[in-house]
């Protein structure tokens, strides 16, 4: 497909829709395409930089993370923004060298993501409202080596030893 913009996002396919992200005119955009013919159904701009995130969907909403740490929840049907938050402004995260790169994880009613700050290393947001449900702090003795605590991987669920854990 042409016209998707620059970046490193992959595809999320749900039913007859394809979701991806790109950069157009300096803005990050989340795009929705028709699976049958690749035609653009909608695109919504938010954040900046060429995105690394692959959108995450739950059937009603799609979640995207711009390279600069702007996280948005959009309606799947029309791309309108339901809520938006910033890893840097709202959680004190520092953009990693190659930008924020994770794809948020949906776990029930939670959206798990990694702003990477000392006070909000990993957070759980209400996926419908964006409200903070909990924040996990980073041990103060951890050396972040000058680039913040966010990495370049997406959170996953582990049930090692029968204990549910979020790993990032």
C-alpha atoms as a PDB file:
ATOM      1  CA  UNK A   1       0.000   0.000   0.000  1.00  0.00           C
ATOM      2  CA  UNK A   2       1.132   3.527  -0.709  1.00  0.00           C
ATOM      3  CA  UNK A   3       0.471   6.652   1.310  1.00  0.00           C
ATOM      4  CA  UNK A   4       0.873   5.131   4.776  1.00  0.00           C
ATOM      5  CA  UNK A   5       3.744   7.417   5.765  1.00  0.00           C
ATOM      6  CA  UNK A   6       7.122   6.554   7.257  1.00  0.00           C
ATOM      7  CA  UNK A   7       7.852   4.493  10.316  1.00  0.00           C
ATOM      8  CA  UNK A   8       8.323   0.978  11.606  1.00  0.00           C
ATOM      9  CA  UNK A   9       4.801  -0.048  12.584  1.00  0.00           C
ATOM     10  CA  UNK A  10       3.503  -3.461  11.610  1.00  0.00           C
ATOM     11  CA  UNK A  11      -0.144  -4.398  10.994  1.00  0.00           C
ATOM     12  CA  UNK A  12      -3.028  -5.376  13.267  1.00  0.00           C
ATOM     13  CA  UNK A  13      -5.830  -7.106  11.402  1.00  0.00           C
ATOM     14  CA  UNK A  14      -9.285  -7.371  12.931  1.00  0.00           C
ATOM     15  CA  UNK A  15     -12.128  -8.656  10.790  1.00  0.00           C
ATOM     16  CA  UNK A  16     -12.278  -6.555   7.647  1.00  0.00           C
ATOM     17  CA  UNK A  17      -9.995  -3.799   8.954  1.00  0.00           C
ATOM     18  CA  UNK A  18      -6.234  -3.325   8.923  1.00  0.00           C
ATOM     19  CA  UNK A  19      -4.615  -0.923  11.413  1.00  0.00           C
ATOM     20  CA  UNK A  20      -1.133   0.549  11.204  1.00  0.00           C
ATOM     21  CA  UNK A  21       0.746   3.742  12.001  1.00  0.00           C
ATOM     22  CA  UNK A  22       2.918   6.097   9.982  1.00  0.00           C
ATOM     23  CA  UNK A  23       4.308   9.617   9.891  1.00  0.00           C
ATOM     24  CA  UNK A  24       2.869  12.222   7.566  1.00  0.00           C
ATOM     25  CA  UNK A  25       3.920  15.869   7.539  1.00  0.00           C
ATOM     26  CA  UNK A  26       5.764  15.461  10.849  1.00  0.00           C
ATOM     27  CA  UNK A  27       2.734  14.013  12.646  1.00  0.00           C
ATOM     28  CA  UNK A  28       2.161  10.458  13.776  1.00  0.00           C
ATOM     29  CA  UNK A  29      -1.000   8.991  12.269  1.00  0.00           C
ATOM     30  CA  UNK A  30      -3.006   5.880  13.013  1.00  0.00           C
ATOM     31  CA  UNK A  31      -4.588   4.516   9.849  1.00  0.00           C
ATOM     32  CA  UNK A  32      -7.461   2.119   9.214  1.00  0.00           C
ATOM     33  CA  UNK A  33      -7.636   0.327   5.866  1.00  0.00           C
ATOM     34  CA  UNK A  34     -10.225  -1.876   4.229  1.00  0.00           C
ATOM     35  CA  UNK A  35      -8.858  -5.437   4.254  1.00  0.00           C
ATOM     36  CA  UNK A  36     -10.519  -6.340   0.953  1.00  0.00           C
ATOM     37  CA  UNK A  37      -8.932  -3.674  -1.224  1.00  0.00           C
ATOM     38  CA  UNK A  38      -6.476  -1.699   0.949  1.00  0.00           C
ATOM     39  CA  UNK A  39      -8.444   1.531   0.621  1.00  0.00           C
ATOM     40  CA  UNK A  40      -8.113   4.075   3.422  1.00  0.00           C
ATOM     41  CA  UNK A  41     -11.177   4.146   5.696  1.00  0.00           C
ATOM     42  CA  UNK A  42      -9.817   6.823   8.076  1.00  0.00           C
ATOM     43  CA  UNK A  43      -6.646   8.279   9.527  1.00  0.00           C
ATOM     44  CA  UNK A  44      -6.152  10.217  12.744  1.00  0.00           C
ATOM     45  CA  UNK A  45      -3.106  12.328  13.597  1.00  0.00           C
ATOM     46  CA  UNK A  46      -1.611  12.510  17.097  1.00  0.00           C
ATOM     47  CA  UNK A  47       1.897  12.713  18.503  1.00  0.00           C
ATOM     48  CA  UNK A  48       5.033  13.096  16.476  1.00  0.00           C
ATOM     49  CA  UNK A  49       7.846  11.218  14.813  1.00  0.00           C
ATOM     50  CA  UNK A  50       7.933   8.082  12.709  1.00  0.00           C
ATOM     51  CA  UNK A  51       6.117   5.509  14.882  1.00  0.00           C
ATOM     52  CA  UNK A  52       7.517   2.163  15.993  1.00  0.00           C
ATOM     53  CA  UNK A  53       4.283   0.940  17.612  1.00  0.00           C
ATOM     54  CA  UNK A  54       1.962  -1.624  16.102  1.00  0.00           C
ATOM     55  CA  UNK A  55      -1.613  -0.692  17.085  1.00  0.00           C
ATOM     56  CA  UNK A  56      -3.436  -2.837  19.651  1.00  0.00           C
ATOM     57  CA  UNK A  57      -7.174  -3.492  19.326  1.00  0.00           C
ATOM     58  CA  UNK A  58      -9.938  -4.837  21.545  1.00  0.00           C
ATOM     59  CA  UNK A  59     -12.853  -4.976  19.104  1.00  0.00           C
ATOM     60  CA  UNK A  60     -14.272  -1.501  19.817  1.00  0.00           C
ATOM     61  CA  UNK A  61     -11.124   0.594  20.193  1.00  0.00           C
ATOM     62  CA  UNK A  62      -7.633   0.770  18.772  1.00  0.00           C
ATOM     63  CA  UNK A  63      -4.648   2.018  20.777  1.00  0.00           C
ATOM     64  CA  UNK A  64      -1.561   3.583  19.285  1.00  0.00           C
ATOM     65  CA  UNK A  65       1.653   5.004  20.699  1.00  0.00           C
ATOM     66  CA  UNK A  66       3.506   7.731  18.824  1.00  0.00           C
ATOM     67  CA  UNK A  67       7.297   7.763  18.838  1.00  0.00           C
ATOM     68  CA  UNK A  68       7.297  10.778  21.193  1.00  0.00           C
ATOM     69  CA  UNK A  69       5.195   8.977  23.825  1.00  0.00           C
ATOM     70  CA  UNK A  70       1.706  10.227  22.972  1.00  0.00           C
ATOM     71  CA  UNK A  71      -0.730   7.354  23.608  1.00  0.00           C
ATOM     72  CA  UNK A  72      -4.234   7.490  22.149  1.00  0.00           C
ATOM     73  CA  UNK A  73      -7.394   5.393  22.257  1.00  0.00           C
ATOM     74  CA  UNK A  74      -9.527   5.727  19.121  1.00  0.00           C
ATOM     75  CA  UNK A  75     -12.916   4.370  18.067  1.00  0.00           C
ATOM     76  CA  UNK A  76     -12.434   1.599  15.517  1.00  0.00           C
ATOM     77  CA  UNK A  77     -15.419   2.717  13.422  1.00  0.00           C
ATOM     78  CA  UNK A  78     -14.391   6.301  12.683  1.00  0.00           C
ATOM     79  CA  UNK A  79     -10.961   7.007  14.236  1.00  0.00           C
ATOM     80  CA  UNK A  80     -12.223   9.636  16.659  1.00  0.00           C
ATOM     81  CA  UNK A  81     -10.051  10.019  19.750  1.00  0.00           C
ATOM     82  CA  UNK A  82     -11.693   8.733  22.947  1.00  0.00           C
ATOM     83  CA  UNK A  83      -8.802   9.659  25.260  1.00  0.00           C
ATOM     84  CA  UNK A  84      -5.140  10.574  25.035  1.00  0.00           C
ATOM     85  CA  UNK A  85      -2.202  10.742  27.457  1.00  0.00           C
ATOM     86  CA  UNK A  86       1.493  11.521  27.274  1.00  0.00           C
ATOM     87  CA  UNK A  87       4.245   9.279  28.672  1.00  0.00           C
ATOM     88  CA  UNK A  88       6.545  12.300  29.021  1.00  0.00           C
ATOM     89  CA  UNK A  89       4.161  15.025  30.247  1.00  0.00           C
ATOM     90  CA  UNK A  90       1.759  12.925  32.336  1.00  0.00           C
ATOM     91  CA  UNK A  91       4.133  10.260  33.696  1.00  0.00           C
ATOM     92  CA  UNK A  92       7.574  11.901  33.614  1.00  0.00           C
ATOM     93  CA  UNK A  93       8.962   9.429  31.081  1.00  0.00           C
ATOM     94  CA  UNK A  94      11.971  10.278  28.932  1.00  0.00           C
ATOM     95  CA  UNK A  95      11.830   9.404  25.247  1.00  0.00           C
ATOM     96  CA  UNK A  96      14.358   6.641  24.526  1.00  0.00           C
ATOM     97  CA  UNK A  97      17.054   7.204  21.905  1.00  0.00           C
ATOM     98  CA  UNK A  98      14.988   5.599  19.115  1.00  0.00           C
ATOM     99  CA  UNK A  99      11.634   6.712  20.498  1.00  0.00           C
ATOM    100  CA  UNK A 100       8.927   4.826  22.317  1.00  0.00           C
ATOM    101  CA  UNK A 101       8.538   1.507  20.544  1.00  0.00           C
ATOM    102  CA  UNK A 102       6.119  -0.706  22.426  1.00  0.00           C
ATOM    103  CA  UNK A 103       2.670  -1.885  21.525  1.00  0.00           C
ATOM    104  CA  UNK A 104       0.401  -1.548  24.580  1.00  0.00           C
ATOM    105  CA  UNK A 105      -0.973  -4.771  26.093  1.00  0.00           C
ATOM    106  CA  UNK A 106      -4.687  -5.282  26.732  1.00  0.00           C
ATOM    107  CA  UNK A 107      -5.528  -7.460  29.738  1.00  0.00           C
ATOM    108  CA  UNK A 108      -9.243  -7.442  30.465  1.00  0.00           C
ATOM    109  CA  UNK A 109     -10.211  -3.845  31.280  1.00  0.00           C
ATOM    110  CA  UNK A 110      -6.570  -2.761  31.579  1.00  0.00           C
ATOM    111  CA  UNK A 111      -4.136  -1.290  29.090  1.00  0.00           C
ATOM    112  CA  UNK A 112      -0.581  -2.041  30.258  1.00  0.00           C
ATOM    113  CA  UNK A 113       2.232   0.220  29.034  1.00  0.00           C
ATOM    114  CA  UNK A 114       5.707   1.430  29.988  1.00  0.00           C
ATOM    115  CA  UNK A 115       6.297   5.189  30.315  1.00  0.00           C
ATOM    116  CA  UNK A 116       9.656   4.269  31.856  1.00  0.00           C
ATOM    117  CA  UNK A 117       9.890   6.917  34.576  1.00  0.00           C
ATOM    118  CA  UNK A 118      11.038   6.369  38.154  1.00  0.00           C
ATOM    119  CA  UNK A 119       7.482   6.750  39.494  1.00  0.00           C
ATOM    120  CA  UNK A 120       5.671   5.151  36.548  1.00  0.00           C
ATOM    121  CA  UNK A 121       7.956   2.525  35.096  1.00  0.00           C
ATOM    122  CA  UNK A 122       4.935   0.409  34.110  1.00  0.00           C
ATOM    123  CA  UNK A 123       1.329   1.585  34.356  1.00  0.00           C
ATOM    124  CA  UNK A 124      -2.114   0.054  34.065  1.00  0.00           C
ATOM    125  CA  UNK A 125      -4.738   2.341  32.565  1.00  0.00           C
ATOM    126  CA  UNK A 126      -8.460   1.788  32.339  1.00  0.00           C
ATOM    127  CA  UNK A 127      -8.671   0.964  28.639  1.00  0.00           C
ATOM    128  CA  UNK A 128     -12.026   2.769  28.247  1.00  0.00           C
ATOM    129  CA  UNK A 129     -11.173   6.031  30.030  1.00  0.00           C
ATOM    130  CA  UNK A 130      -7.370   6.244  30.251  1.00  0.00           C
ATOM    131  CA  UNK A 131      -7.590   6.674  34.036  1.00  0.00           C
ATOM    132  CA  UNK A 132      -4.601   5.364  35.974  1.00  0.00           C
ATOM    133  CA  UNK A 133      -5.471   2.124  37.805  1.00  0.00           C
ATOM    134  CA  UNK A 134      -1.967   1.519  39.178  1.00  0.00           C
ATOM    135  CA  UNK A 135       1.669   2.516  38.654  1.00  0.00           C
ATOM    136  CA  UNK A 136       4.751   0.402  39.341  1.00  0.00           C
ATOM    137  CA  UNK A 137       7.757   2.342  40.559  1.00  0.00           C
ATOM    138  CA  UNK A 138      11.318   1.585  39.588  1.00  0.00           C
ATOM    139  CA  UNK A 139      13.827   0.785  42.327  1.00  0.00           C
ATOM    140  CA  UNK A 140      15.612   4.115  43.037  1.00  0.00           C
ATOM    141  CA  UNK A 141      19.015   2.415  42.875  1.00  0.00           C
ATOM    142  CA  UNK A 142      18.473   1.376  39.236  1.00  0.00           C
ATOM    143  CA  UNK A 143      20.893   3.036  36.817  1.00  0.00           C
ATOM    144  CA  UNK A 144      18.911   4.163  33.776  1.00  0.00           C
ATOM    145  CA  UNK A 145      22.104   4.974  31.850  1.00  0.00           C
ATOM    146  CA  UNK A 146      20.826   8.387  30.790  1.00  0.00           C
ATOM    147  CA  UNK A 147      18.092   7.306  28.391  1.00  0.00           C
ATOM    148  CA  UNK A 148      15.102   6.734  30.641  1.00  0.00           C
ATOM    149  CA  UNK A 149      13.619   3.444  31.715  1.00  0.00           C
ATOM    150  CA  UNK A 150      11.480   2.610  28.715  1.00  0.00           C
ATOM    151  CA  UNK A 151      12.887  -0.051  26.429  1.00  0.00           C
ATOM    152  CA  UNK A 152      12.099  -1.233  22.945  1.00  0.00           C
ATOM    153  CA  UNK A 153       9.833  -4.164  23.721  1.00  0.00           C
ATOM    154  CA  UNK A 154       6.154  -4.600  24.448  1.00  0.00           C
ATOM    155  CA  UNK A 155       4.828  -5.857  27.781  1.00  0.00           C
ATOM    156  CA  UNK A 156       3.685  -9.486  27.903  1.00  0.00           C
ATOM    157  CA  UNK A 157       1.919 -11.648  30.476  1.00  0.00           C
ATOM    158  CA  UNK A 158       3.813 -14.461  32.179  1.00  0.00           C
ATOM    159  CA  UNK A 159       2.306 -17.067  34.486  1.00  0.00           C
ATOM    160  CA  UNK A 160       5.620 -18.471  35.694  1.00  0.00           C
ATOM    161  CA  UNK A 161       5.277 -20.642  38.773  1.00  0.00           C
ATOM    162  CA  UNK A 162       1.530 -19.962  38.779  1.00  0.00           C
ATOM    163  CA  UNK A 163       2.068 -16.231  39.432  1.00  0.00           C
ATOM    164  CA  UNK A 164       0.681 -13.766  36.910  1.00  0.00           C
ATOM    165  CA  UNK A 165       3.271 -11.128  36.042  1.00  0.00           C
ATOM    166  CA  UNK A 166       3.703  -8.374  33.472  1.00  0.00           C
ATOM    167  CA  UNK A 167       7.127  -8.602  31.886  1.00  0.00           C
ATOM    168  CA  UNK A 168       8.778  -5.807  29.923  1.00  0.00           C
END
